[in-house]
Amino acid sequence: MATKYTIQELIVSRAAKELKDREFVVIGQGIAMAAGVLARKTHAPNAVILTEAGLLGIDPFKVPLHIADPTCTRGFTYSCDMIDIFTTILNQGYVDVTFLGVGQIDRYGNMNSSYLGEPGNYATRMTGAGGAPEFIGYAGRAILTMSGGTFVEKLDYFTSPGYLDGGESRYAAGMPEGSGPSVLITTRGVFMFDKVTKEMYLAGLHPGVTVDDIRAEVPWDLKIADRLETTPAPTEEEIAILRNFAPDVTMGRKLQLEVVMKQVFNLLSKGA
């Protein structure tokens, strides 16, 4: 019987497939780091992971405690400061791709990870921008994930630029040609961006999800691809890697408890 998997494991598995071998990728915390590590362990062993705080070429064996955590890795090529990250690496075009999490997102991939509520009277403070505006501004492309965020017609707060007003507006504003969001993976499906208009469209569905389920969450007239992919379930290998590396990120407490209890039962059975 196939191993039960969580929606977070499905998101990470699908996001990891977007990273190619030998690409230079800047990664933050949580789902993003789990996706980068999974990609390196499955199909992109020569991808180079860079953290916002300046650790380059890391091979982490556990989830970093923070963006400058050197204790999470077996080694790294070199370290530098954040000024070097942004001025001599990222902004000079050396970063191929970035992974970013989403709080709010609009039809052109513009994002809010700062505040929710009315301007001047915000009700909720989110994690904040960090290096996200620079990452999505200057990396070759951005792989986006959204596990608890929302689609909106207008952002409560503009944190990070997607394709601005669509079309060529991003590049007219000075960001590198060809850069921008390439894919968004949510708890429901996979979204991509039209090459001309830059508007988001539905490209795929997760198992058991319908187009109507997606439409109910999107406040605009969402475009739908002619042929929708079905997101493949994570493999047994991928599940094992994720549960060993980042169980707190991908499994959830209930499933973690089930797995631990099963391990305890197996140990007791062997000792009996």
Protein backbone atom coordinates (compact mmCIF):
# COMPACT_ATOMS: atom_id res chain seq x y z
CA MET A 1 0.00 0.00 0.00
CA ALA A 2 1.31 3.46 -0.91
CA THR A 3 2.58 5.61 1.94
CA LYS A 4 0.19 8.32 3.09
CA TYR A 5 1.52 11.77 2.26
CA THR A 6 0.63 15.29 3.35
CA ILE A 7 -0.29 18.24 1.16
CA GLN A 8 2.99 19.90 2.21
CA GLU A 9 4.92 16.89 0.94
CA LEU A 10 3.01 17.10 -2.34
CA ILE A 11 3.82 20.81 -2.68
CA VAL A 12 7.51 20.28 -1.91
CA SER A 13 7.78 17.32 -4.28
CA ARG A 14 6.21 19.29 -7.15
CA ALA A 15 8.27 22.43 -6.45
CA ALA A 16 11.52 20.46 -6.33
CA LYS A 17 10.92 19.20 -9.88
CA GLU A 18 11.23 22.79 -11.15
CA LEU A 19 14.91 23.02 -10.12
CA LYS A 20 17.40 21.85 -12.75
CA ASP A 21 20.85 20.37 -12.26
CA ARG A 22 23.74 22.86 -12.02
CA GLU A 23 21.43 25.77 -11.34
CA PHE A 24 22.38 28.40 -8.78
CA VAL A 25 19.47 28.78 -6.35
CA VAL A 26 18.91 31.16 -3.45
CA ILE A 27 16.62 29.68 -0.80
CA GLY A 28 14.94 30.79 2.42
CA GLN A 29 13.40 28.71 5.20
CA GLY A 30 10.74 26.02 5.51
CA ILE A 31 9.12 24.56 2.39
CA ALA A 32 11.60 26.39 0.14
CA MET A 33 14.65 24.80 1.77
CA ALA A 34 12.98 21.38 1.82
CA ALA A 35 12.31 21.64 -1.93
CA GLY A 36 15.89 22.63 -2.72
CA VAL A 37 17.35 19.82 -0.65
CA LEU A 38 14.94 17.28 -2.17
CA ALA A 39 15.92 18.37 -5.68
CA ARG A 40 19.63 17.94 -4.89
CA LYS A 41 19.04 14.45 -3.50
CA THR A 42 16.92 13.23 -6.41
CA HIS A 43 17.64 14.81 -9.80
CA ALA A 44 19.80 17.93 -9.38
CA PRO A 45 22.88 16.86 -7.37
CA ASN A 46 25.00 19.70 -8.74
CA ALA A 47 22.56 22.50 -8.00
CA VAL A 48 24.21 25.10 -5.76
CA ILE A 49 22.24 26.35 -2.75
CA LEU A 50 22.85 29.87 -1.48
CA THR A 51 21.29 31.38 1.65
CA GLU A 52 20.31 35.01 2.11
CA ALA A 53 22.90 35.46 4.84
CA GLY A 54 25.82 34.35 2.68
CA LEU A 55 26.38 30.58 2.94
CA LEU A 56 27.12 29.29 -0.57
CA GLY A 57 27.15 25.65 -1.65
CA ILE A 58 25.55 24.22 1.48
CA ASP A 59 24.56 20.57 1.85
CA PRO A 60 22.23 20.74 4.87
CA PHE A 61 21.42 17.65 6.93
CA LYS A 62 18.72 19.44 8.94
CA VAL A 63 16.49 22.47 8.49
CA PRO A 64 18.38 25.71 9.28
CA LEU A 65 17.33 27.44 12.49
CA HIS A 66 17.71 30.77 10.70
CA ILE A 67 19.14 32.18 7.45
CA ALA A 68 22.69 32.32 8.85
CA ASP A 69 22.78 28.89 10.53
CA PRO A 70 26.08 27.13 9.64
CA THR A 71 25.33 24.22 12.01
CA CYS A 72 22.75 22.79 9.58
CA THR A 73 25.27 21.83 6.93
CA ARG A 74 28.12 19.40 6.36
CA GLY A 75 30.06 22.11 4.62
CA PHE A 76 29.86 24.98 2.19
CA THR A 77 32.04 26.44 -0.52
CA TYR A 78 32.43 29.81 1.12
CA SER A 79 30.60 32.41 3.17
CA CYS A 80 30.19 36.14 2.63
CA ASP A 81 28.06 38.93 4.05
CA MET A 82 24.61 40.02 2.95
CA ILE A 83 25.95 43.01 1.03
CA ASP A 84 27.95 40.65 -1.19
CA ILE A 85 24.91 38.42 -1.66
CA PHE A 86 22.84 41.24 -3.06
CA THR A 87 25.43 43.40 -4.83
CA THR A 88 28.00 41.00 -6.28
CA ILE A 89 25.99 37.77 -6.69
CA LEU A 90 22.24 38.29 -6.99
CA ASN A 91 22.09 41.70 -8.63
CA GLN A 92 24.86 40.79 -11.07
CA GLY A 93 22.75 37.99 -12.53
CA TYR A 94 24.48 34.92 -11.11
CA VAL A 95 21.35 33.45 -9.48
CA ASP A 96 19.28 31.24 -11.80
CA VAL A 97 16.28 30.63 -9.58
CA THR A 98 14.75 31.37 -6.19
CA PHE A 99 12.12 29.59 -4.09
CA LEU A 100 9.65 31.89 -2.31
CA GLY A 101 6.59 31.37 -0.11
CA VAL A 102 3.44 33.42 -0.71
CA GLY A 103 1.04 35.17 1.69
CA GLN A 104 -1.15 37.02 -0.80
CA ILE A 105 -0.79 36.98 -4.59
CA ASP A 106 -2.57 38.76 -7.44
CA ARG A 107 -3.18 37.75 -11.06
CA TYR A 108 0.25 39.00 -12.19
CA GLY A 109 2.25 37.29 -9.44
CA ASN A 110 2.78 40.37 -7.26
CA MET A 111 3.05 39.30 -3.62
CA ASN A 112 2.35 40.41 -0.08
CA SER A 113 4.23 38.81 2.81
CA SER A 114 4.07 41.79 5.18
CA TYR A 115 0.65 43.00 6.37
CA LEU A 116 -3.02 41.96 6.14
CA GLY A 117 -5.89 44.38 6.55
CA GLU A 118 -6.67 47.97 5.63
CA PRO A 119 -3.73 50.28 4.82
CA GLY A 120 -2.87 52.36 7.87
CA ASN A 121 -4.82 49.99 10.10
CA TYR A 122 -3.31 46.57 9.45
CA ALA A 123 -4.78 43.73 11.49
CA THR A 124 -2.05 41.12 10.98
CA ARG A 125 1.72 41.27 10.66
CA MET A 126 3.14 38.43 8.54
CA THR A 127 6.75 37.30 8.31
CA GLY A 128 7.86 40.32 6.30
CA ALA A 129 9.85 40.82 3.14
CA GLY A 130 13.36 39.74 4.08
CA GLY A 131 15.28 39.33 0.84
CA ALA A 132 12.20 38.35 -1.20
CA PRO A 133 11.88 41.63 -3.18
CA GLU A 134 15.51 41.36 -4.29
CA PHE A 135 15.32 37.63 -4.94
CA ILE A 136 12.29 37.81 -7.20
CA GLY A 137 13.53 41.06 -8.67
CA TYR A 138 16.88 39.77 -9.92
CA ALA A 139 16.90 35.96 -9.96
CA GLY A 140 16.40 34.40 -13.38
CA ARG A 141 13.03 33.02 -12.32
CA ALA A 142 11.02 32.36 -9.15
CA ILE A 143 9.34 29.15 -8.01
CA LEU A 144 6.47 30.12 -5.70
CA THR A 145 4.66 27.98 -3.12
CA MET A 146 1.51 28.84 -1.17
CA SER A 147 0.25 26.59 1.62
CA GLY A 148 -1.82 29.06 3.64
CA GLY A 149 -2.09 32.20 1.55
CA THR A 150 -4.81 33.70 -0.62
CA PHE A 151 -5.50 35.00 -4.12
CA VAL A 152 -6.60 38.63 -4.22
CA GLU A 153 -7.59 41.23 -6.82
CA LYS A 154 -5.55 43.84 -4.96
CA LEU A 155 -2.80 43.23 -2.40
CA ASP A 156 -3.29 44.63 1.10
CA TYR A 157 0.40 45.55 0.98
CA PHE A 158 2.80 45.33 -1.96
CA THR A 159 5.91 43.42 -0.81
CA SER A 160 7.49 41.77 -3.85
CA PRO A 161 7.14 42.37 -7.60
CA GLY A 162 5.76 39.78 -9.95
CA TYR A 163 4.83 41.06 -13.40
CA LEU A 164 3.47 44.38 -12.01
CA ASP A 165 0.61 45.34 -14.39
CA GLY A 166 1.31 42.54 -16.84
CA GLY A 167 2.82 42.58 -20.31
CA GLU A 168 6.24 44.25 -20.39
CA SER A 169 5.65 46.46 -17.33
CA ARG A 170 8.08 44.47 -15.16
CA TYR A 171 10.95 44.95 -17.59
CA ALA A 172 10.05 48.58 -18.28
CA ALA A 173 10.51 49.13 -14.54
CA GLY A 174 14.14 47.98 -14.84
CA MET A 175 14.09 44.33 -13.81
CA PRO A 176 16.09 41.86 -15.93
CA GLU A 177 14.49 40.65 -19.14
CA GLY A 178 13.03 37.17 -18.78
CA SER A 179 13.00 37.23 -14.98
CA GLY A 180 9.88 36.79 -12.87
CA PRO A 181 7.62 34.08 -11.41
CA SER A 182 7.54 30.89 -13.47
CA VAL A 183 5.20 28.70 -11.42
CA LEU A 184 3.01 28.79 -8.31
CA ILE A 185 2.21 25.57 -6.43
CA THR A 186 -0.64 25.77 -3.91
CA THR A 187 -2.61 23.27 -1.82
CA ARG A 188 -4.98 22.86 -4.77
CA GLY A 189 -2.97 22.96 -7.95
CA VAL A 190 -0.25 24.37 -10.18
CA PHE A 191 -0.39 27.79 -11.83
CA MET A 192 1.81 29.32 -14.51
CA PHE A 193 2.04 32.68 -16.27
CA ASP A 194 1.13 33.55 -19.86
CA LYS A 195 4.25 34.37 -21.87
CA VAL A 196 2.70 37.49 -23.41
CA THR A 197 0.16 38.93 -20.97
CA LYS A 198 1.99 37.56 -17.87
CA GLU A 199 -1.39 36.77 -16.32
CA MET A 200 -1.59 33.69 -14.11
CA TYR A 201 -3.46 30.65 -15.42
CA LEU A 202 -4.31 27.21 -14.04
CA ALA A 203 -1.92 24.60 -15.43
CA GLY A 204 -2.60 21.57 -13.23
CA LEU A 205 -4.70 20.05 -10.46
CA HIS A 206 -3.69 18.05 -7.41
CA PRO A 207 -5.37 14.63 -7.04
CA GLY A 208 -9.04 14.94 -6.08
CA VAL A 209 -9.29 18.68 -6.84
CA THR A 210 -11.63 20.12 -9.48
CA VAL A 211 -11.51 23.29 -11.54
CA ASP A 212 -14.56 24.53 -9.60
CA ASP A 213 -12.61 24.08 -6.34
CA ILE A 214 -9.90 26.34 -7.75
CA ARG A 215 -12.32 28.93 -9.15
CA ALA A 216 -13.94 29.26 -5.73
CA GLU A 217 -10.62 30.53 -4.33
CA VAL A 218 -9.69 32.96 -7.13
CA PRO A 219 -11.53 36.33 -7.23
CA TRP A 220 -10.96 37.02 -10.94
CA ASP A 221 -11.92 35.18 -14.14
CA LEU A 222 -9.09 32.67 -14.05
CA LYS A 223 -7.74 31.39 -17.35
CA ILE A 224 -7.50 27.59 -17.66
CA ALA A 225 -4.96 25.66 -19.73
CA ASP A 226 -6.34 23.54 -22.57
CA ARG A 227 -4.75 20.46 -21.03
CA LEU A 228 -4.46 20.25 -17.26
CA GLU A 229 -1.73 18.10 -15.71
CA THR A 230 -2.42 16.00 -12.63
CA THR A 231 0.22 16.50 -9.98
CA PRO A 232 2.02 13.19 -9.36
CA ALA A 233 2.11 11.91 -5.81
CA PRO A 234 5.51 12.07 -4.11
CA THR A 235 7.49 8.86 -4.49
CA GLU A 236 8.45 6.63 -1.59
CA GLU A 237 12.02 7.92 -1.94
CA GLU A 238 10.90 11.55 -1.81
CA ILE A 239 8.71 10.96 1.23
CA ALA A 240 11.57 9.23 3.06
CA ILE A 241 13.97 12.10 2.26
CA LEU A 242 11.53 14.76 3.43
CA ARG A 243 10.61 12.97 6.64
CA ASN A 244 14.25 12.50 7.49
CA PHE A 245 15.27 16.07 6.65
CA ALA A 246 12.27 18.24 7.51
CA PRO A 247 9.50 16.34 9.35
CA ASP A 248 8.36 19.47 11.18
CA VAL A 249 7.98 21.31 7.84
CA THR A 250 6.19 18.69 5.76
CA MET A 251 4.49 16.09 7.96
CA GLY A 252 2.29 17.86 10.50
CA ARG A 253 1.97 16.77 14.11
CA LYS A 254 -0.67 14.08 13.60
CA LEU A 255 1.27 12.21 10.92
CA GLN A 256 4.55 12.66 12.81
CA LEU A 257 2.92 10.97 15.82
CA GLU A 258 1.62 8.11 13.64
CA VAL A 259 5.08 7.53 12.16
CA VAL A 260 6.80 7.66 15.57
CA MET A 261 4.28 5.23 17.08
CA LYS A 262 4.79 2.85 14.17
CA GLN A 263 8.56 3.02 14.67
CA VAL A 264 8.16 2.32 18.39
CA PHE A 265 5.85 -0.61 17.66
CA ASN A 266 8.37 -2.09 15.20
CA LEU A 267 11.21 -1.73 17.72
CA LEU A 268 9.16 -3.39 20.47
CA SER A 269 8.16 -6.20 18.09
CA LYS A 270 11.80 -6.90 17.20
CA GLY A 271 12.76 -6.97 20.87
CA ALA A 272 9.96 -9.28 21.86
